[in-house]
PDB file of N, CA and C in Angstrom:
ATOM      1  N   MET A   1    -117.670 -83.727  59.281  1.00  0.00           N
ATOM      2  CA  MET A   1    -117.600 -84.218  60.341  1.00  0.00           C
ATOM      3  C   MET A   1    -117.255 -85.798  59.763  1.00  0.00           C
ATOM      4  N   LYS A   2    -116.930 -86.494  59.887  1.00  0.00           N
ATOM      5  CA  LYS A   2    -116.382 -87.660  59.654  1.00  0.00           C
ATOM      6  C   LYS A   2    -117.827 -88.549  60.342  1.00  0.00           C
ATOM      7  N   ALA A   3    -117.863 -88.611  61.908  1.00  0.00           N
ATOM      8  CA  ALA A   3    -118.976 -89.360  62.482  1.00  0.00           C
ATOM      9  C   ALA A   3    -120.548 -88.923  61.738  1.00  0.00           C
ATOM     10  N   CYS A   4    -120.619 -87.545  61.464  1.00  0.00           N
ATOM     11  CA  CYS A   4    -121.868 -87.184  60.975  1.00  0.00           C
ATOM     12  C   CYS A   4    -122.186 -87.668  59.885  1.00  0.00           C
ATOM     13  N   ALA A   5    -121.052 -87.838  58.844  1.00  0.00           N
ATOM     14  CA  ALA A   5    -121.649 -88.571  57.034  1.00  0.00           C
ATOM     15  C   ALA A   5    -121.619 -90.111  57.635  1.00  0.00           C
ATOM     16  N   ALA A   6    -120.917 -91.045  58.213  1.00  0.00           N
ATOM     17  CA  ALA A   6    -121.415 -91.836  58.810  1.00  0.00           C
ATOM     18  C   ALA A   6    -122.961 -92.510  58.746  1.00  0.00           C
ATOM     19  N   CYS A   7    -123.028 -91.452  60.299  1.00  0.00           N
ATOM     20  CA  CYS A   7    -124.355 -91.811  60.912  1.00  0.00           C
ATOM     21  C   CYS A   7    -125.795 -91.371  59.895  1.00  0.00           C
ATOM     22  N   ARG A   8    -125.399 -90.525  59.082  1.00  0.00           N
ATOM     23  CA  ARG A   8    -126.483 -90.178  57.915  1.00  0.00           C
ATOM     24  C   ARG A   8    -126.529 -91.199  56.813  1.00  0.00           C
ATOM     25  N   ARG A   9    -124.971 -91.774  56.259  1.00  0.00           N
ATOM     26  CA  ARG A   9    -125.649 -92.928  55.411  1.00  0.00           C
ATOM     27  C   ARG A   9    -125.827 -93.812  56.079  1.00  0.00           C
ATOM     28  N   LYS A  10    -125.862 -94.359  57.452  1.00  0.00           N
ATOM     29  CA  LYS A  10    -126.460 -95.835  58.168  1.00  0.00           C
ATOM     30  C   LYS A  10    -127.854 -95.152  58.099  1.00  0.00           C
ATOM     31  N   PHE A  11    -128.589 -94.181  58.392  1.00  0.00           N
ATOM     32  CA  PHE A  11    -129.676 -94.187  59.023  1.00  0.00           C
ATOM     33  C   PHE A  11    -130.238 -93.952  57.178  1.00  0.00           C
ATOM     34  N   THR A  12    -129.850 -93.264  56.269  1.00  0.00           N
ATOM     35  CA  THR A  12    -130.499 -93.229  55.153  1.00  0.00           C
ATOM     36  C   THR A  12    -130.371 -94.781  54.240  1.00  0.00           C
ATOM     37  N   GLU A  13    -129.376 -95.954  54.707  1.00  0.00           N
ATOM     38  CA  GLU A  13    -130.121 -96.804  54.324  1.00  0.00           C
ATOM     39  C   GLU A  13    -130.695 -97.766  54.990  1.00  0.00           C
ATOM     40  N   ARG A  14    -131.134 -97.576  56.465  1.00  0.00           N
ATOM     41  CA  ARG A  14    -132.154 -98.100  57.063  1.00  0.00           C
ATOM     42  C   ARG A  14    -133.716 -97.066  56.721  1.00  0.00           C
ATOM     43  N   ARG A  15    -133.698 -96.052  55.889  1.00  0.00           N
ATOM     44  CA  ARG A  15    -134.414 -94.945  55.469  1.00  0.00           C
ATOM     45  C   ARG A  15    -135.124 -94.915  56.851  1.00  0.00           C
ATOM     46  N   GLN A  16    -134.371 -94.132  57.460  1.00  0.00           N
ATOM     47  CA  GLN A  16    -135.279 -93.747  58.907  1.00  0.00           C
ATOM     48  C   GLN A  16    -134.350 -92.107  58.861  1.00  0.00           C
ATOM     49  N   ALA A  17    -134.802 -91.276  59.657  1.00  0.00           N
ATOM     50  CA  ALA A  17    -134.253 -89.912  59.759  1.00  0.00           C
ATOM     51  C   ALA A  17    -133.351 -90.121  60.734  1.00  0.00           C
ATOM     52  N   ALA A  18    -132.150 -89.385  60.709  1.00  0.00           N
ATOM     53  CA  ALA A  18    -130.980 -89.529  61.912  1.00  0.00           C
ATOM     54  C   ALA A  18    -131.358 -88.605  62.671  1.00  0.00           C
ATOM     55  N   PRO A  19    -130.741 -89.291  63.923  1.00  0.00           N
ATOM     56  CA  PRO A  19    -131.594 -88.332  65.203  1.00  0.00           C
ATOM     57  C   PRO A  19    -130.047 -87.159  65.567  1.00  0.00           C
ATOM     58  N   CYS A  20    -130.466 -86.363  64.409  1.00  0.00           N
ATOM     59  CA  CYS A  20    -129.098 -85.206  64.896  1.00  0.00           C
ATOM     60  C   CYS A  20    -129.247 -84.519  66.310  1.00  0.00           C
ATOM     61  N   ALA A  21    -130.870 -83.904  65.958  1.00  0.00           N
ATOM     62  CA  ALA A  21    -131.240 -83.247  67.019  1.00  0.00           C
ATOM     63  C   ALA A  21    -130.723 -83.546  68.789  1.00  0.00           C
ATOM     64  N   GLU A  22    -130.516 -85.052  68.561  1.00  0.00           N
ATOM     65  CA  GLU A  22    -130.021 -85.307  70.440  1.00  0.00           C
ATOM     66  C   GLU A  22    -128.804 -86.082  69.838  1.00  0.00           C
ATOM     67  N   CYS A  23    -127.736 -86.079  69.230  1.00  0.00           N
ATOM     68  CA  CYS A  23    -126.578 -86.478  68.951  1.00  0.00           C
ATOM     69  C   CYS A  23    -125.570 -85.435  69.833  1.00  0.00           C
ATOM     70  N   SER A  24    -124.507 -86.493  70.067  1.00  0.00           N
ATOM     71  CA  SER A  24    -123.368 -85.494  70.975  1.00  0.00           C
ATOM     72  C   SER A  24    -122.477 -84.891  69.811  1.00  0.00           C
ATOM     73  N   HIS A  25    -122.685 -85.481  68.628  1.00  0.00           N
ATOM     74  CA  HIS A  25    -121.381 -84.833  67.700  1.00  0.00           C
ATOM     75  C   HIS A  25    -122.190 -83.245  66.989  1.00  0.00           C
ATOM     76  N   ARG A  26    -123.241 -82.990  67.625  1.00  0.00           N
ATOM     77  CA  ARG A  26    -123.701 -81.744  66.806  1.00  0.00           C
ATOM     78  C   ARG A  26    -123.028 -80.450  67.288  1.00  0.00           C
ATOM     79  N   PRO A  27    -122.910 -79.610  66.084  1.00  0.00           N
ATOM     80  CA  PRO A  27    -122.137 -78.556  66.284  1.00  0.00           C
ATOM     81  C   PRO A  27    -122.481 -77.306  67.586  1.00  0.00           C
ATOM     82  N   PRO A  28    -122.066 -77.050  67.806  1.00  0.00           N
ATOM     83  CA  PRO A  28    -123.116 -76.211  69.525  1.00  0.00           C
ATOM     84  C   PRO A  28    -123.551 -75.104  68.350  1.00  0.00           C
ATOM     85  N   ARG A  29    -124.366 -74.354  69.131  1.00  0.00           N
ATOM     86  CA  ARG A  29    -125.219 -73.002  68.346  1.00  0.00           C
ATOM     87  C   ARG A  29    -124.576 -71.598  68.315  1.00  0.00           C
ATOM     88  N   LEU A  30    -124.650 -71.191  67.458  1.00  0.00           N
ATOM     89  CA  LEU A  30    -124.002 -69.919  66.963  1.00  0.00           C
ATOM     90  C   LEU A  30    -124.591 -68.890  67.046  1.00  0.00           C
ATOM     91  N   PHE A  31    -123.988 -68.113  68.215  1.00  0.00           N
ATOM     92  CA  PHE A  31    -124.777 -66.847  69.197  1.00  0.00           C
ATOM     93  C   PHE A  31    -124.477 -65.754  68.441  1.00  0.00           C
ATOM     94  N   LEU A  32    -124.799 -64.973  67.881  1.00  0.00           N
ATOM     95  CA  LEU A  32    -124.981 -63.484  66.992  1.00  0.00           C
ATOM     96  C   LEU A  32    -123.818 -62.866  67.492  1.00  0.00           C
ATOM     97  N   GLN A  33    -123.507 -62.578  68.318  1.00  0.00           N
ATOM     98  CA  GLN A  33    -121.857 -61.894  68.967  1.00  0.00           C
ATOM     99  C   GLN A  33    -120.691 -62.524  68.270  1.00  0.00           C
ATOM    100  N   SER A  34    -120.734 -64.204  68.259  1.00  0.00           N
ATOM    101  CA  SER A  34    -120.056 -64.467  67.750  1.00  0.00           C
ATOM    102  C   SER A  34    -119.822 -64.813  66.000  1.00  0.00           C
ATOM    103  N   LEU A  35    -120.358 -64.323  65.262  1.00  0.00           N
ATOM    104  CA  LEU A  35    -120.769 -64.202  64.077  1.00  0.00           C
ATOM    105  C   LEU A  35    -119.421 -63.995  63.383  1.00  0.00           C
ATOM    106  N   PRO A  36    -118.754 -62.876  63.693  1.00  0.00           N
ATOM    107  CA  PRO A  36    -117.862 -61.920  63.140  1.00  0.00           C
ATOM    108  C   PRO A  36    -116.449 -62.972  63.135  1.00  0.00           C
ATOM    109  N   ALA A  37    -116.784 -63.490  64.555  1.00  0.00           N
ATOM    110  CA  ALA A  37    -114.593 -64.564  64.260  1.00  0.00           C
ATOM    111  C   ALA A  37    -115.735 -65.899  63.550  1.00  0.00           C
ATOM    112  N   TRP A  38    -116.982 -66.336  63.555  1.00  0.00           N
ATOM    113  CA  TRP A  38    -116.686 -67.515  62.913  1.00  0.00           C
ATOM    114  C   TRP A  38    -116.443 -67.278  61.068  1.00  0.00           C
ATOM    115  N   ARG A  39    -117.130 -66.214  60.775  1.00  0.00           N
ATOM    116  CA  ARG A  39    -117.451 -65.654  59.180  1.00  0.00           C
ATOM    117  C   ARG A  39    -115.682 -65.564  59.112  1.00  0.00           C
ATOM    118  N   LEU A  40    -114.775 -64.802  60.106  1.00  0.00           N
ATOM    119  CA  LEU A  40    -113.532 -64.703  59.575  1.00  0.00           C
ATOM    120  C   LEU A  40    -112.812 -66.231  59.630  1.00  0.00           C
ATOM    121  N   TRP A  41    -113.155 -66.931  60.664  1.00  0.00           N
ATOM    122  CA  TRP A  41    -112.176 -68.052  61.229  1.00  0.00           C
ATOM    123  C   TRP A  41    -112.869 -69.164  59.391  1.00  0.00           C
ATOM    124  N   MET A  42    -113.916 -68.934  59.024  1.00  0.00           N
ATOM    125  CA  MET A  42    -113.988 -69.669  57.864  1.00  0.00           C
ATOM    126  C   MET A  42    -113.341 -69.127  56.873  1.00  0.00           C
ATOM    127  N   ALA A  43    -113.054 -68.198  56.236  1.00  0.00           N
ATOM    128  CA  ALA A  43    -112.470 -67.598  55.415  1.00  0.00           C
ATOM    129  C   ALA A  43    -110.534 -67.827  55.337  1.00  0.00           C
ATOM    130  N   VAL A  44    -110.368 -68.337  57.273  1.00  0.00           N
ATOM    131  CA  VAL A  44    -108.552 -67.687  57.164  1.00  0.00           C
ATOM    132  C   VAL A  44    -108.681 -69.030  57.545  1.00  0.00           C
ATOM    133  N   CYS A  45    -109.323 -70.526  57.620  1.00  0.00           N
ATOM    134  CA  CYS A  45    -108.781 -71.749  58.183  1.00  0.00           C
ATOM    135  C   CYS A  45    -108.202 -72.593  57.547  1.00  0.00           C
ATOM    136  N   THR A  46    -107.560 -71.834  56.185  1.00  0.00           N
ATOM    137  CA  THR A  46    -106.691 -72.393  55.104  1.00  0.00           C
ATOM    138  C   THR A  46    -105.270 -71.880  55.144  1.00  0.00           C
ATOM    139  N   GLN A  47    -105.257 -70.724  56.010  1.00  0.00           N
ATOM    140  CA  GLN A  47    -104.229 -70.031  56.363  1.00  0.00           C
ATOM    141  C   GLN A  47    -103.147 -70.548  57.508  1.00  0.00           C
ATOM    142  N   TRP A  48    -102.429 -71.475  57.301  1.00  0.00           N
ATOM    143  CA  TRP A  48    -101.742 -72.222  58.277  1.00  0.00           C
ATOM    144  C   TRP A  48    -100.166 -71.847  58.242  1.00  0.00           C
ATOM    145  N   ARG A  49     -99.373 -71.340  59.297  1.00  0.00           N
ATOM    146  CA  ARG A  49     -97.898 -71.690  59.162  1.00  0.00           C
ATOM    147  C   ARG A  49     -97.826 -72.881  59.464  1.00  0.00           C
ATOM    148  N   THR A  50     -96.633 -73.505  58.391  1.00  0.00           N
ATOM    149  CA  THR A  50     -96.427 -75.153  58.697  1.00  0.00           C
ATOM    150  C   THR A  50     -94.475 -75.067  59.093  1.00  0.00           C
ATOM    151  N   GLY A  51     -94.657 -76.097  59.557  1.00  0.00           N
ATOM    152  CA  GLY A  51     -92.832 -76.195  60.225  1.00  0.00           C
ATOM    153  C   GLY A  51     -92.780 -77.534  59.700  1.00  0.00           C
ATOM    154  N   PHE A  52     -91.427 -78.176  59.931  1.00  0.00           N
ATOM    155  CA  PHE A  52     -90.992 -79.872  59.848  1.00  0.00           C
ATOM    156  C   PHE A  52     -92.081 -80.355  60.347  1.00  0.00           C
ATOM    157  N   GLY A  53     -92.999 -80.190  61.600  1.00  0.00           N
ATOM    158  CA  GLY A  53     -93.651 -81.282  62.338  1.00  0.00           C
ATOM    159  C   GLY A  53     -95.166 -80.788  61.609  1.00  0.00           C
ATOM    160  N   GLY A  54     -95.104 -80.269  61.347  1.00  0.00           N
ATOM    161  CA  GLY A  54     -96.794 -79.677  60.490  1.00  0.00           C
ATOM    162  C   GLY A  54     -97.149 -78.522  61.187  1.00  0.00           C
ATOM    163  N   LEU A  55     -98.572 -78.369  61.279  1.00  0.00           N
ATOM    164  CA  LEU A  55     -99.131 -77.115  61.791  1.00  0.00           C
ATOM    165  C   LEU A  55     -98.337 -76.264  62.910  1.00  0.00           C
ATOM    166  N   VAL A  56     -98.166 -75.372  62.548  1.00  0.00           N
ATOM    167  CA  VAL A  56     -97.575 -74.440  63.928  1.00  0.00           C
ATOM    168  C   VAL A  56     -98.858 -73.182  64.284  1.00  0.00           C
ATOM    169  N   GLY A  57     -99.223 -72.538  63.570  1.00  0.00           N
ATOM    170  CA  GLY A  57    -100.261 -71.812  64.108  1.00  0.00           C
ATOM    171  C   GLY A  57    -100.559 -70.730  62.617  1.00  0.00           C
ATOM    172  N   LEU A  58    -101.977 -70.484  62.863  1.00  0.00           N
ATOM    173  CA  LEU A  58    -102.392 -69.522  61.956  1.00  0.00           C
ATOM    174  C   LEU A  58    -101.498 -68.386  61.178  1.00  0.00           C
ATOM    175  N   ASP A  59    -101.716 -67.939  60.074  1.00  0.00           N
ATOM    176  CA  ASP A  59    -100.939 -67.036  59.607  1.00  0.00           C
ATOM    177  C   ASP A  59    -101.539 -65.852  59.667  1.00  0.00           C
ATOM    178  N   TYR A  60    -101.251 -64.716  60.859  1.00  0.00           N
ATOM    179  CA  TYR A  60    -101.707 -63.277  61.437  1.00  0.00           C
ATOM    180  C   TYR A  60    -101.818 -62.359  60.243  1.00  0.00           C
ATOM    181  N   SER A  61    -100.883 -62.511  59.181  1.00  0.00           N
ATOM    182  CA  SER A  61    -100.615 -61.548  58.600  1.00  0.00           C
ATOM    183  C   SER A  61    -101.402 -61.782  57.440  1.00  0.00           C
ATOM    184  N   ALA A  62    -102.064 -62.887  57.540  1.00  0.00           N
ATOM    185  CA  ALA A  62    -103.095 -63.569  56.351  1.00  0.00           C
ATOM    186  C   ALA A  62    -104.268 -63.296  57.020  1.00  0.00           C
ATOM    187  N   MET A  63    -104.640 -63.562  57.919  1.00  0.00           N
ATOM    188  CA  MET A  63    -105.885 -62.998  59.019  1.00  0.00           C
ATOM    189  C   MET A  63    -106.329 -61.370  59.156  1.00  0.00           C
ATOM    190  N   TYR A  64    -105.372 -60.948  59.455  1.00  0.00           N
ATOM    191  CA  TYR A  64    -105.639 -59.314  59.422  1.00  0.00           C
ATOM    192  C   TYR A  64    -106.323 -59.084  57.924  1.00  0.00           C
ATOM    193  N   ARG A  65    -105.317 -59.043  56.869  1.00  0.00           N
ATOM    194  CA  ARG A  65    -105.402 -59.098  55.197  1.00  0.00           C
ATOM    195  C   ARG A  65    -107.385 -59.514  54.903  1.00  0.00           C
ATOM    196  N   VAL A  66    -107.544 -60.612  55.414  1.00  0.00           N
ATOM    197  CA  VAL A  66    -109.002 -61.405  54.959  1.00  0.00           C
ATOM    198  C   VAL A  66    -109.813 -60.219  55.779  1.00  0.00           C
ATOM    199  N   ALA A  67    -109.793 -60.038  57.057  1.00  0.00           N
ATOM    200  CA  ALA A  67    -110.595 -59.368  57.935  1.00  0.00           C
ATOM    201  C   ALA A  67    -110.558 -58.240  57.260  1.00  0.00           C
ATOM    202  N   GLU A  68    -109.301 -57.688  56.831  1.00  0.00           N
ATOM    203  CA  GLU A  68    -110.027 -55.926  56.356  1.00  0.00           C
ATOM    204  C   GLU A  68    -110.869 -56.550  54.893  1.00  0.00           C
ATOM    205  N   THR A  69    -110.311 -57.585  54.268  1.00  0.00           N
ATOM    206  CA  THR A  69    -111.147 -57.774  52.733  1.00  0.00           C
ATOM    207  C   THR A  69    -112.655 -57.790  53.120  1.00  0.00           C
ATOM    208  N   LEU A  70    -113.002 -58.645  54.255  1.00  0.00           N
ATOM    209  CA  LEU A  70    -113.861 -59.209  55.040  1.00  0.00           C
ATOM    210  C   LEU A  70    -114.904 -57.754  55.255  1.00  0.00           C
ATOM    211  N   ASN A  71    -113.924 -57.151  56.105  1.00  0.00           N
ATOM    212  CA  ASN A  71    -114.754 -55.703  56.677  1.00  0.00           C
ATOM    213  C   ASN A  71    -115.227 -56.357  58.077  1.00  0.00           C
ATOM    214  N   VAL A  72    -114.318 -57.125  58.504  1.00  0.00           N
ATOM    215  CA  VAL A  72    -114.589 -57.598  59.858  1.00  0.00           C
ATOM    216  C   VAL A  72    -113.755 -57.392  60.870  1.00  0.00           C
ATOM    217  N   GLN A  73    -114.012 -56.123  61.896  1.00  0.00           N
ATOM    218  CA  GLN A  73    -113.167 -55.319  62.923  1.00  0.00           C
ATOM    219  C   GLN A  73    -112.638 -56.647  63.595  1.00  0.00           C
ATOM    220  N   ILE A  74    -111.345 -56.593  63.813  1.00  0.00           N
ATOM    221  CA  ILE A  74    -110.404 -57.737  64.942  1.00  0.00           C
ATOM    222  C   ILE A  74    -110.225 -56.720  66.198  1.00  0.00           C
ATOM    223  N   THR A  75    -111.849 -57.019  67.200  1.00  0.00           N
ATOM    224  CA  THR A  75    -111.511 -56.410  68.205  1.00  0.00           C
ATOM    225  C   THR A  75    -110.647 -57.726  69.254  1.00  0.00           C
ATOM    226  N   PRO A  76    -110.762 -57.663  70.768  1.00  0.00           N
ATOM    227  CA  PRO A  76    -110.422 -58.436  71.470  1.00  0.00           C
ATOM    228  C   PRO A  76    -110.978 -59.545  71.703  1.00  0.00           C
ATOM    229  N   GLN A  77    -112.083 -59.313  71.502  1.00  0.00           N
ATOM    230  CA  GLN A  77    -113.065 -60.831  71.312  1.00  0.00           C
ATOM    231  C   GLN A  77    -113.031 -61.496  70.510  1.00  0.00           C
ATOM    232  N   VAL A  78    -113.039 -60.540  68.830  1.00  0.00           N
ATOM    233  CA  VAL A  78    -112.546 -61.699  68.254  1.00  0.00           C
ATOM    234  C   VAL A  78    -111.825 -62.446  68.142  1.00  0.00           C
ATOM    235  N   LEU A  79    -110.382 -61.594  67.983  1.00  0.00           N
ATOM    236  CA  LEU A  79    -108.997 -62.013  68.303  1.00  0.00           C
ATOM    237  C   LEU A  79    -109.187 -63.679  69.456  1.00  0.00           C
ATOM    238  N   GLU A  80    -109.635 -63.400  70.210  1.00  0.00           N
ATOM    239  CA  GLU A  80    -109.874 -64.325  71.200  1.00  0.00           C
ATOM    240  C   GLU A  80    -110.534 -65.706  71.005  1.00  0.00           C
ATOM    241  N   LYS A  81    -111.852 -65.852  70.385  1.00  0.00           N
ATOM    242  CA  LYS A  81    -112.593 -66.616  69.631  1.00  0.00           C
ATOM    243  C   LYS A  81    -111.301 -66.972  68.686  1.00  0.00           C
ATOM    244  N   ILE A  82    -110.939 -66.588  67.813  1.00  0.00           N
ATOM    245  CA  ILE A  82    -110.194 -67.228  66.598  1.00  0.00           C
ATOM    246  C   ILE A  82    -108.895 -67.524  67.499  1.00  0.00           C
ATOM    247  N   GLN A  83    -108.407 -67.454  68.488  1.00  0.00           N
ATOM    248  CA  GLN A  83    -107.386 -68.466  68.852  1.00  0.00           C
ATOM    249  C   GLN A  83    -107.969 -69.539  69.890  1.00  0.00           C
ATOM    250  N   LEU A  84    -108.975 -69.363  70.036  1.00  0.00           N
ATOM    251  CA  LEU A  84    -109.621 -70.703  70.472  1.00  0.00           C
ATOM    252  C   LEU A  84    -109.990 -71.508  69.575  1.00  0.00           C
ATOM    253  N   LEU A  85    -110.243 -71.349  68.176  1.00  0.00           N
ATOM    254  CA  LEU A  85    -110.221 -71.977  67.369  1.00  0.00           C
ATOM    255  C   LEU A  85    -108.843 -72.738  66.718  1.00  0.00           C
ATOM    256  N   GLU A  86    -108.310 -71.507  67.044  1.00  0.00           N
ATOM    257  CA  GLU A  86    -106.919 -72.256  66.237  1.00  0.00           C
ATOM    258  C   GLU A  86    -106.515 -73.435  67.336  1.00  0.00           C
ATOM    259  N   LEU A  87    -106.381 -72.582  68.592  1.00  0.00           N
ATOM    260  CA  LEU A  87    -106.021 -73.720  69.902  1.00  0.00           C
ATOM    261  C   LEU A  87    -106.690 -75.313  69.646  1.00  0.00           C
ATOM    262  N   ASP A  88    -107.850 -74.906  69.612  1.00  0.00           N
ATOM    263  CA  ASP A  88    -108.784 -75.941  69.326  1.00  0.00           C
ATOM    264  C   ASP A  88    -108.392 -77.760  68.184  1.00  0.00           C
ATOM    265  N   THR A  89    -108.035 -76.718  67.178  1.00  0.00           N
ATOM    266  CA  THR A  89    -107.418 -77.053  66.136  1.00  0.00           C
ATOM    267  C   THR A  89    -106.212 -77.993  66.088  1.00  0.00           C
ATOM    268  N   LEU A  90    -104.958 -77.145  66.824  1.00  0.00           N
ATOM    269  CA  LEU A  90    -103.688 -77.459  67.113  1.00  0.00           C
ATOM    270  C   LEU A  90    -104.083 -79.066  67.574  1.00  0.00           C
ATOM    271  N   THR A  91    -105.167 -78.844  68.961  1.00  0.00           N
ATOM    272  CA  THR A  91    -104.851 -79.659  69.765  1.00  0.00           C
ATOM    273  C   THR A  91    -105.391 -81.131  69.266  1.00  0.00           C
ATOM    274  N   ASP A  92    -106.287 -80.829  68.564  1.00  0.00           N
ATOM    275  CA  ASP A  92    -107.479 -82.158  67.630  1.00  0.00           C
ATOM    276  C   ASP A  92    -106.135 -82.912  66.794  1.00  0.00           C
ATOM    277  N   ARG A  93    -105.160 -82.044  66.016  1.00  0.00           N
ATOM    278  CA  ARG A  93    -104.307 -82.861  65.439  1.00  0.00           C
ATOM    279  C   ARG A  93    -103.286 -83.624  66.239  1.00  0.00           C
ATOM    280  N   LYS A  94    -102.911 -82.948  67.020  1.00  0.00           N
ATOM    281  CA  LYS A  94    -102.067 -83.367  67.945  1.00  0.00           C
ATOM    282  C   LYS A  94    -102.480 -85.006  68.449  1.00  0.00           C
ATOM    283  N   LYS A  95    -103.405 -84.960  69.208  1.00  0.00           N
ATOM    284  CA  LYS A  95    -104.441 -85.892  69.667  1.00  0.00           C
ATOM    285  C   LYS A  95    -104.724 -87.064  68.530  1.00  0.00           C
ATOM    286  N   ALA A  96    -104.599 -86.449  67.244  1.00  0.00           N
ATOM    287  CA  ALA A  96    -104.868 -87.435  66.145  1.00  0.00           C
ATOM    288  C   ALA A  96    -103.802 -87.891  65.358  1.00  0.00           C
ATOM    289  N   GLY A  97    -102.465 -87.460  65.950  1.00  0.00           N
ATOM    290  CA  GLY A  97    -101.292 -87.843  65.612  1.00  0.00           C
ATOM    291  C   GLY A  97    -101.320 -86.993  64.251  1.00  0.00           C
ATOM    292  N   ASP A  98    -101.779 -86.360  63.904  1.00  0.00           N
ATOM    293  CA  ASP A  98    -101.523 -85.841  61.954  1.00  0.00           C
ATOM    294  C   ASP A  98    -100.176 -84.953  61.564  1.00  0.00           C
ATOM    295  N   ASP A  99     -99.711 -84.434  62.937  1.00  0.00           N
ATOM    296  CA  ASP A  99     -98.003 -84.120  62.519  1.00  0.00           C
ATOM    297  C   ASP A  99     -97.145 -84.683  63.241  1.00  0.00           C
ATOM    298  N   ASP A 100     -97.220 -86.164  62.962  1.00  0.00           N
ATOM    299  CA  ASP A 100     -96.045 -86.593  63.190  1.00  0.00           C
ATOM    300  C   ASP A 100     -95.369 -86.777  62.053  1.00  0.00           C
TER     301      ASP A 100
END
């Protein structure tokens, strides 16, 4: 994250430890049951379908192929988590104006 890199740099320059444990930008804790979805997301987060307006959504054909290669079973729960990550990414990009 850009915020984390800037913060670490600032505290490194001051020769102090960054207060990462209390930071609101700290990523959430990954639960064991979410690990298959996270592994799959990390492997397919570059597999986007694009249009004239920018990102449209994940390439699900590629996602299923990668899941097969990684031996990750796409259960309804895994699919729902991937779709939430996809929606979050698309929403963040819209807010940032990256697909204008």
